[in-house]
Amino acid sequence: MMQKIKIVKKKKPEQQIVIVEGEPLPDHGTCKHYRKSYRWLRFPCCGKLYPCDVCHDENERDHEMKFASRMVCGFCSKEQPFQKSKPCIRCSENVTRVRSSHWEGGKGCRDQTLMSRNDDRKYANSRMKTVSKKHVGQLVIKKKPTNEK
Protein backbone atom coordinates (compact mmCIF):
# COMPACT_ATOMS: atom_id res chain seq x y z
CA MET A 1 0.00 0.00 0.00
CA MET A 2 1.02 3.53 -0.68
CA GLN A 3 1.18 5.99 2.09
CA LYS A 4 -0.06 9.50 1.56
CA ILE A 5 2.39 12.14 2.50
CA LYS A 6 1.00 15.48 3.51
CA ILE A 7 3.04 18.48 2.63
CA VAL A 8 2.37 21.32 4.97
CA LYS A 9 2.96 24.75 3.50
CA LYS A 10 4.04 27.42 5.86
CA LYS A 11 1.73 30.38 5.89
CA LYS A 12 3.41 33.65 5.30
CA PRO A 13 2.58 36.21 7.93
CA GLU A 14 0.46 39.09 6.71
CA GLN A 15 2.57 41.98 5.67
CA GLN A 16 2.17 44.73 8.22
CA ILE A 17 2.68 48.14 6.70
CA VAL A 18 3.91 50.77 9.09
CA ILE A 19 2.56 54.21 8.35
CA VAL A 20 5.01 57.02 9.09
CA GLU A 21 3.54 60.50 8.85
CA GLY A 22 5.47 62.54 6.29
CA GLU A 23 6.39 59.55 4.09
CA PRO A 24 4.24 58.37 1.16
CA LEU A 25 2.14 55.21 1.26
CA PRO A 26 3.10 52.27 -1.00
CA ASP A 27 2.21 53.21 -4.62
CA HIS A 28 1.01 56.56 -3.22
CA GLY A 29 -2.09 54.82 -1.86
CA THR A 30 -3.41 53.43 -5.15
CA CYS A 31 -4.67 49.88 -5.63
CA LYS A 32 -5.55 47.65 -8.59
CA HIS A 33 -9.21 48.69 -8.43
CA TYR A 34 -8.80 52.48 -8.28
CA ARG A 35 -5.54 53.70 -9.83
CA LYS A 36 -6.55 57.37 -9.60
CA SER A 37 -7.26 57.45 -5.86
CA TYR A 38 -4.22 58.43 -3.79
CA ARG A 39 -5.55 57.62 -0.33
CA TRP A 40 -6.35 54.80 2.03
CA LEU A 41 -9.62 54.64 3.91
CA ARG A 42 -10.15 53.72 7.56
CA PHE A 43 -13.36 51.73 7.87
CA PRO A 44 -15.28 52.12 11.16
CA CYS A 45 -16.67 48.57 10.98
CA CYS A 46 -13.24 47.01 11.67
CA GLY A 47 -10.96 50.00 12.26
CA LYS A 48 -8.54 48.84 9.55
CA LEU A 49 -7.01 50.71 6.62
CA TYR A 50 -7.67 49.62 3.04
CA PRO A 51 -7.06 51.39 -0.29
CA CYS A 52 -10.70 50.95 -1.38
CA ASP A 53 -14.00 49.32 -0.51
CA VAL A 54 -13.34 46.38 -2.86
CA CYS A 55 -10.04 45.61 -1.11
CA HIS A 56 -11.92 45.72 2.22
CA ASP A 57 -14.56 43.28 0.98
CA GLU A 58 -11.91 40.89 -0.37
CA ASN A 59 -10.04 40.74 2.95
CA GLU A 60 -12.85 41.12 5.50
CA ARG A 61 -15.55 38.59 4.68
CA ASP A 62 -16.91 38.15 8.18
CA HIS A 63 -18.71 41.49 8.45
CA GLU A 64 -20.53 44.01 6.31
CA MET A 65 -18.71 47.16 5.28
CA LYS A 66 -19.66 50.59 6.62
CA PHE A 67 -18.65 53.71 4.76
CA ALA A 68 -15.25 55.11 5.69
CA SER A 69 -15.16 58.13 7.97
CA ARG A 70 -11.41 58.81 7.84
CA MET A 71 -8.72 58.70 5.16
CA VAL A 72 -4.93 58.66 4.98
CA CYS A 73 -3.22 60.78 2.32
CA GLY A 74 -1.10 58.72 -0.10
CA PHE A 75 1.58 61.41 -0.38
CA CYS A 76 2.25 62.35 3.25
CA SER A 77 0.38 59.64 5.28
CA LYS A 78 -1.61 62.21 7.26
CA GLU A 79 -4.79 60.72 8.73
CA GLN A 80 -7.70 63.15 8.46
CA PRO A 81 -11.49 63.24 8.17
CA PHE A 82 -12.84 61.90 4.89
CA GLN A 83 -13.20 64.68 2.31
CA LYS A 84 -14.17 63.75 -1.20
CA SER A 85 -13.09 66.74 -3.24
CA LYS A 86 -10.76 68.75 -1.00
CA PRO A 87 -6.95 68.38 -1.03
CA CYS A 88 -4.90 67.04 1.87
CA ILE A 89 -4.77 69.32 4.90
CA ARG A 90 -1.03 68.74 5.40
CA CYS A 91 0.61 68.62 1.94
CA SER A 92 -2.20 70.21 -0.18
CA GLU A 93 -2.03 67.40 -2.77
CA ASN A 94 -5.23 66.19 -4.42
CA VAL A 95 -6.06 62.70 -3.16
CA THR A 96 -7.93 61.94 -6.39
CA ARG A 97 -6.61 62.62 -9.86
CA VAL A 98 -8.20 65.74 -11.27
CA ARG A 99 -8.69 65.32 -14.99
CA SER A 100 -11.46 66.07 -17.35
CA SER A 101 -12.06 65.11 -20.95
CA HIS A 102 -15.07 67.35 -21.38
CA TRP A 103 -15.20 70.25 -23.80
CA GLU A 104 -13.42 73.06 -22.02
CA GLY A 105 -14.36 76.53 -23.21
CA GLY A 106 -13.94 75.89 -26.93
CA LYS A 107 -10.35 74.66 -26.63
CA GLY A 108 -11.24 71.04 -27.24
CA CYS A 109 -10.43 67.92 -25.27
CA ARG A 110 -6.84 67.31 -26.34
CA ASP A 111 -3.99 68.52 -24.19
CA GLN A 112 -1.21 69.07 -26.70
CA THR A 113 1.50 68.95 -24.07
CA LEU A 114 0.55 65.36 -23.19
CA MET A 115 0.12 64.15 -26.79
CA SER A 116 2.76 62.16 -28.65
CA ARG A 117 4.84 64.10 -31.17
CA ASN A 118 3.96 61.43 -33.73
CA ASP A 119 0.27 62.27 -33.46
CA ASP A 120 -0.86 64.34 -36.46
CA ARG A 121 -3.55 66.06 -34.39
CA LYS A 122 -0.96 67.63 -32.10
CA TYR A 123 0.18 70.01 -34.83
CA ALA A 124 -3.16 70.42 -36.63
CA ASN A 125 -3.81 74.02 -37.70
CA SER A 126 -0.52 75.17 -36.20
CA ARG A 127 0.43 76.91 -39.49
CA MET A 128 -2.71 79.01 -39.31
CA LYS A 129 -1.95 80.30 -35.83
CA THR A 130 1.47 81.83 -36.47
CA VAL A 131 1.73 85.12 -38.33
CA SER A 132 5.01 86.79 -39.24
CA LYS A 133 5.89 90.26 -38.01
CA LYS A 134 6.44 91.39 -41.60
CA HIS A 135 2.88 90.48 -42.47
CA VAL A 136 1.38 92.19 -39.45
CA GLY A 137 3.56 95.29 -39.66
CA GLN A 138 4.63 97.48 -36.83
CA LEU A 139 2.41 99.90 -35.04
CA VAL A 140 3.80 103.37 -34.81
CA ILE A 141 2.45 105.49 -32.03
CA LYS A 142 2.70 109.17 -32.81
CA LYS A 143 2.67 111.80 -30.14
CA LYS A 144 0.09 114.54 -30.37
CA PRO A 145 1.64 117.90 -31.11
CA THR A 146 1.29 120.24 -28.18
CA ASN A 147 0.81 123.95 -28.61
CA GLU A 148 3.55 125.70 -26.69
CA LYS A 149 3.12 129.43 -26.17
C-alpha atoms as a PDB file:
ATOM      1  CA  MET A   1       0.000   0.000   0.000  1.00  0.00           C
ATOM      2  CA  MET A   2       1.023   3.528  -0.678  1.00  0.00           C
ATOM      3  CA  GLN A   3       1.182   5.987   2.092  1.00  0.00           C
ATOM      4  CA  LYS A   4      -0.064   9.496   1.560  1.00  0.00           C
ATOM      5  CA  ILE A   5       2.387  12.139   2.504  1.00  0.00           C
ATOM      6  CA  LYS A   6       0.996  15.479   3.513  1.00  0.00           C
ATOM      7  CA  ILE A   7       3.038  18.483   2.633  1.00  0.00           C
ATOM      8  CA  VAL A   8       2.370  21.318   4.972  1.00  0.00           C
ATOM      9  CA  LYS A   9       2.963  24.746   3.504  1.00  0.00           C
ATOM     10  CA  LYS A  10       4.036  27.425   5.858  1.00  0.00           C
ATOM     11  CA  LYS A  11       1.731  30.378   5.891  1.00  0.00           C
ATOM     12  CA  LYS A  12       3.414  33.654   5.303  1.00  0.00           C
ATOM     13  CA  PRO A  13       2.582  36.210   7.932  1.00  0.00           C
ATOM     14  CA  GLU A  14       0.461  39.087   6.714  1.00  0.00           C
ATOM     15  CA  GLN A  15       2.569  41.981   5.666  1.00  0.00           C
ATOM     16  CA  GLN A  16       2.172  44.727   8.223  1.00  0.00           C
ATOM     17  CA  ILE A  17       2.679  48.140   6.702  1.00  0.00           C
ATOM     18  CA  VAL A  18       3.911  50.770   9.093  1.00  0.00           C
ATOM     19  CA  ILE A  19       2.565  54.215   8.353  1.00  0.00           C
ATOM     20  CA  VAL A  20       5.005  57.021   9.085  1.00  0.00           C
ATOM     21  CA  GLU A  21       3.544  60.496   8.847  1.00  0.00           C
ATOM     22  CA  GLY A  22       5.469  62.536   6.288  1.00  0.00           C
ATOM     23  CA  GLU A  23       6.390  59.553   4.088  1.00  0.00           C
ATOM     24  CA  PRO A  24       4.237  58.367   1.162  1.00  0.00           C
ATOM     25  CA  LEU A  25       2.144  55.206   1.258  1.00  0.00           C
ATOM     26  CA  PRO A  26       3.102  52.273  -1.002  1.00  0.00           C
ATOM     27  CA  ASP A  27       2.209  53.208  -4.615  1.00  0.00           C
ATOM     28  CA  HIS A  28       1.008  56.560  -3.216  1.00  0.00           C
ATOM     29  CA  GLY A  29      -2.090  54.819  -1.860  1.00  0.00           C
ATOM     30  CA  THR A  30      -3.414  53.429  -5.146  1.00  0.00           C
ATOM     31  CA  CYS A  31      -4.674  49.881  -5.635  1.00  0.00           C
ATOM     32  CA  LYS A  32      -5.546  47.654  -8.585  1.00  0.00           C
ATOM     33  CA  HIS A  33      -9.207  48.688  -8.430  1.00  0.00           C
ATOM     34  CA  TYR A  34      -8.802  52.478  -8.281  1.00  0.00           C
ATOM     35  CA  ARG A  35      -5.545  53.701  -9.827  1.00  0.00           C
ATOM     36  CA  LYS A  36      -6.546  57.372  -9.596  1.00  0.00           C
ATOM     37  CA  SER A  37      -7.256  57.449  -5.863  1.00  0.00           C
ATOM     38  CA  TYR A  38      -4.220  58.430  -3.792  1.00  0.00           C
ATOM     39  CA  ARG A  39      -5.555  57.620  -0.327  1.00  0.00           C
ATOM     40  CA  TRP A  40      -6.349  54.804   2.034  1.00  0.00           C
ATOM     41  CA  LEU A  41      -9.620  54.638   3.909  1.00  0.00           C
ATOM     42  CA  ARG A  42     -10.152  53.722   7.563  1.00  0.00           C
ATOM     43  CA  PHE A  43     -13.357  51.726   7.865  1.00  0.00           C
ATOM     44  CA  PRO A  44     -15.277  52.120  11.156  1.00  0.00           C
ATOM     45  CA  CYS A  45     -16.667  48.565  10.982  1.00  0.00           C
ATOM     46  CA  CYS A  46     -13.244  47.010  11.666  1.00  0.00           C
ATOM     47  CA  GLY A  47     -10.958  50.004  12.261  1.00  0.00           C
ATOM     48  CA  LYS A  48      -8.542  48.836   9.549  1.00  0.00           C
ATOM     49  CA  LEU A  49      -7.007  50.713   6.624  1.00  0.00           C
ATOM     50  CA  TYR A  50      -7.666  49.617   3.035  1.00  0.00           C
ATOM     51  CA  PRO A  51      -7.064  51.391  -0.290  1.00  0.00           C
ATOM     52  CA  CYS A  52     -10.698  50.950  -1.376  1.00  0.00           C
ATOM     53  CA  ASP A  53     -14.001  49.316  -0.510  1.00  0.00           C
ATOM     54  CA  VAL A  54     -13.342  46.383  -2.858  1.00  0.00           C
ATOM     55  CA  CYS A  55     -10.039  45.609  -1.106  1.00  0.00           C
ATOM     56  CA  HIS A  56     -11.917  45.720   2.217  1.00  0.00           C
ATOM     57  CA  ASP A  57     -14.563  43.277   0.983  1.00  0.00           C
ATOM     58  CA  GLU A  58     -11.906  40.889  -0.367  1.00  0.00           C
ATOM     59  CA  ASN A  59     -10.036  40.735   2.954  1.00  0.00           C
ATOM     60  CA  GLU A  60     -12.846  41.124   5.497  1.00  0.00           C
ATOM     61  CA  ARG A  61     -15.547  38.595   4.684  1.00  0.00           C
ATOM     62  CA  ASP A  62     -16.908  38.155   8.181  1.00  0.00           C
ATOM     63  CA  HIS A  63     -18.712  41.494   8.447  1.00  0.00           C
ATOM     64  CA  GLU A  64     -20.530  44.007   6.312  1.00  0.00           C
ATOM     65  CA  MET A  65     -18.714  47.158   5.276  1.00  0.00           C
ATOM     66  CA  LYS A  66     -19.656  50.586   6.624  1.00  0.00           C
ATOM     67  CA  PHE A  67     -18.646  53.712   4.757  1.00  0.00           C
ATOM     68  CA  ALA A  68     -15.254  55.110   5.694  1.00  0.00           C
ATOM     69  CA  SER A  69     -15.158  58.125   7.967  1.00  0.00           C
ATOM     70  CA  ARG A  70     -11.406  58.809   7.840  1.00  0.00           C
ATOM     71  CA  MET A  71      -8.720  58.702   5.164  1.00  0.00           C
ATOM     72  CA  VAL A  72      -4.927  58.659   4.984  1.00  0.00           C
ATOM     73  CA  CYS A  73      -3.217  60.783   2.317  1.00  0.00           C
ATOM     74  CA  GLY A  74      -1.101  58.721  -0.098  1.00  0.00           C
ATOM     75  CA  PHE A  75       1.575  61.413  -0.380  1.00  0.00           C
ATOM     76  CA  CYS A  76       2.246  62.347   3.252  1.00  0.00           C
ATOM     77  CA  SER A  77       0.380  59.645   5.282  1.00  0.00           C
ATOM     78  CA  LYS A  78      -1.613  62.208   7.262  1.00  0.00           C
ATOM     79  CA  GLU A  79      -4.793  60.724   8.726  1.00  0.00           C
ATOM     80  CA  GLN A  80      -7.698  63.151   8.456  1.00  0.00           C
ATOM     81  CA  PRO A  81     -11.489  63.244   8.168  1.00  0.00           C
ATOM     82  CA  PHE A  82     -12.837  61.901   4.891  1.00  0.00           C
ATOM     83  CA  GLN A  83     -13.205  64.679   2.305  1.00  0.00           C
ATOM     84  CA  LYS A  84     -14.166  63.746  -1.202  1.00  0.00           C
ATOM     85  CA  SER A  85     -13.089  66.738  -3.237  1.00  0.00           C
ATOM     86  CA  LYS A  86     -10.759  68.747  -0.996  1.00  0.00           C
ATOM     87  CA  PRO A  87      -6.952  68.376  -1.033  1.00  0.00           C
ATOM     88  CA  CYS A  88      -4.898  67.041   1.866  1.00  0.00           C
ATOM     89  CA  ILE A  89      -4.772  69.320   4.904  1.00  0.00           C
ATOM     90  CA  ARG A  90      -1.026  68.739   5.395  1.00  0.00           C
ATOM     91  CA  CYS A  91       0.606  68.620   1.938  1.00  0.00           C
ATOM     92  CA  SER A  92      -2.197  70.211  -0.182  1.00  0.00           C
ATOM     93  CA  GLU A  93      -2.025  67.403  -2.769  1.00  0.00           C
ATOM     94  CA  ASN A  94      -5.225  66.187  -4.424  1.00  0.00           C
ATOM     95  CA  VAL A  95      -6.065  62.704  -3.159  1.00  0.00           C
ATOM     96  CA  THR A  96      -7.929  61.937  -6.388  1.00  0.00           C
ATOM     97  CA  ARG A  97      -6.611  62.621  -9.864  1.00  0.00           C
ATOM     98  CA  VAL A  98      -8.199  65.737 -11.274  1.00  0.00           C
ATOM     99  CA  ARG A  99      -8.687  65.318 -14.988  1.00  0.00           C
ATOM    100  CA  SER A 100     -11.465  66.071 -17.354  1.00  0.00           C
ATOM    101  CA  SER A 101     -12.058  65.107 -20.947  1.00  0.00           C
ATOM    102  CA  HIS A 102     -15.067  67.350 -21.375  1.00  0.00           C
ATOM    103  CA  TRP A 103     -15.199  70.246 -23.801  1.00  0.00           C
ATOM    104  CA  GLU A 104     -13.421  73.063 -22.023  1.00  0.00           C
ATOM    105  CA  GLY A 105     -14.363  76.527 -23.209  1.00  0.00           C
ATOM    106  CA  GLY A 106     -13.944  75.894 -26.926  1.00  0.00           C
ATOM    107  CA  LYS A 107     -10.347  74.664 -26.627  1.00  0.00           C
ATOM    108  CA  GLY A 108     -11.241  71.039 -27.240  1.00  0.00           C
ATOM    109  CA  CYS A 109     -10.427  67.922 -25.266  1.00  0.00           C
ATOM    110  CA  ARG A 110      -6.845  67.305 -26.338  1.00  0.00           C
ATOM    111  CA  ASP A 111      -3.988  68.520 -24.185  1.00  0.00           C
ATOM    112  CA  GLN A 112      -1.210  69.067 -26.704  1.00  0.00           C
ATOM    113  CA  THR A 113       1.504  68.951 -24.066  1.00  0.00           C
ATOM    114  CA  LEU A 114       0.553  65.358 -23.195  1.00  0.00           C
ATOM    115  CA  MET A 115       0.116  64.151 -26.791  1.00  0.00           C
ATOM    116  CA  SER A 116       2.758  62.159 -28.651  1.00  0.00           C
ATOM    117  CA  ARG A 117       4.838  64.098 -31.168  1.00  0.00           C
ATOM    118  CA  ASN A 118       3.960  61.427 -33.733  1.00  0.00           C
ATOM    119  CA  ASP A 119       0.274  62.271 -33.457  1.00  0.00           C
ATOM    120  CA  ASP A 120      -0.863  64.342 -36.459  1.00  0.00           C
ATOM    121  CA  ARG A 121      -3.547  66.059 -34.387  1.00  0.00           C
ATOM    122  CA  LYS A 122      -0.956  67.625 -32.103  1.00  0.00           C
ATOM    123  CA  TYR A 123       0.181  70.007 -34.828  1.00  0.00           C
ATOM    124  CA  ALA A 124      -3.162  70.416 -36.628  1.00  0.00           C
ATOM    125  CA  ASN A 125      -3.808  74.024 -37.704  1.00  0.00           C
ATOM    126  CA  SER A 126      -0.520  75.173 -36.203  1.00  0.00           C
ATOM    127  CA  ARG A 127       0.426  76.905 -39.490  1.00  0.00           C
ATOM    128  CA  MET A 128      -2.715  79.008 -39.306  1.00  0.00           C
ATOM    129  CA  LYS A 129      -1.953  80.300 -35.828  1.00  0.00           C
ATOM    130  CA  THR A 130       1.470  81.834 -36.465  1.00  0.00           C
ATOM    131  CA  VAL A 131       1.734  85.119 -38.329  1.00  0.00           C
ATOM    132  CA  SER A 132       5.007  86.794 -39.236  1.00  0.00           C
ATOM    133  CA  LYS A 133       5.889  90.261 -38.011  1.00  0.00           C
ATOM    134  CA  LYS A 134       6.437  91.388 -41.598  1.00  0.00           C
ATOM    135  CA  HIS A 135       2.878  90.475 -42.472  1.00  0.00           C
ATOM    136  CA  VAL A 136       1.383  92.186 -39.450  1.00  0.00           C
ATOM    137  CA  GLY A 137       3.564  95.295 -39.662  1.00  0.00           C
ATOM    138  CA  GLN A 138       4.627  97.485 -36.834  1.00  0.00           C
ATOM    139  CA  LEU A 139       2.414  99.904 -35.036  1.00  0.00           C
ATOM    140  CA  VAL A 140       3.799 103.369 -34.810  1.00  0.00           C
ATOM    141  CA  ILE A 141       2.450 105.488 -32.032  1.00  0.00           C
ATOM    142  CA  LYS A 142       2.697 109.166 -32.806  1.00  0.00           C
ATOM    143  CA  LYS A 143       2.668 111.796 -30.144  1.00  0.00           C
ATOM    144  CA  LYS A 144       0.089 114.545 -30.366  1.00  0.00           C
ATOM    145  CA  PRO A 145       1.642 117.901 -31.106  1.00  0.00           C
ATOM    146  CA  THR A 146       1.286 120.240 -28.178  1.00  0.00           C
ATOM    147  CA  ASN A 147       0.809 123.951 -28.610  1.00  0.00           C
ATOM    148  CA  GLU A 148       3.550 125.700 -26.694  1.00  0.00           C
ATOM    149  CA  LYS A 149       3.119 129.434 -26.167  1.00  0.00           C
END
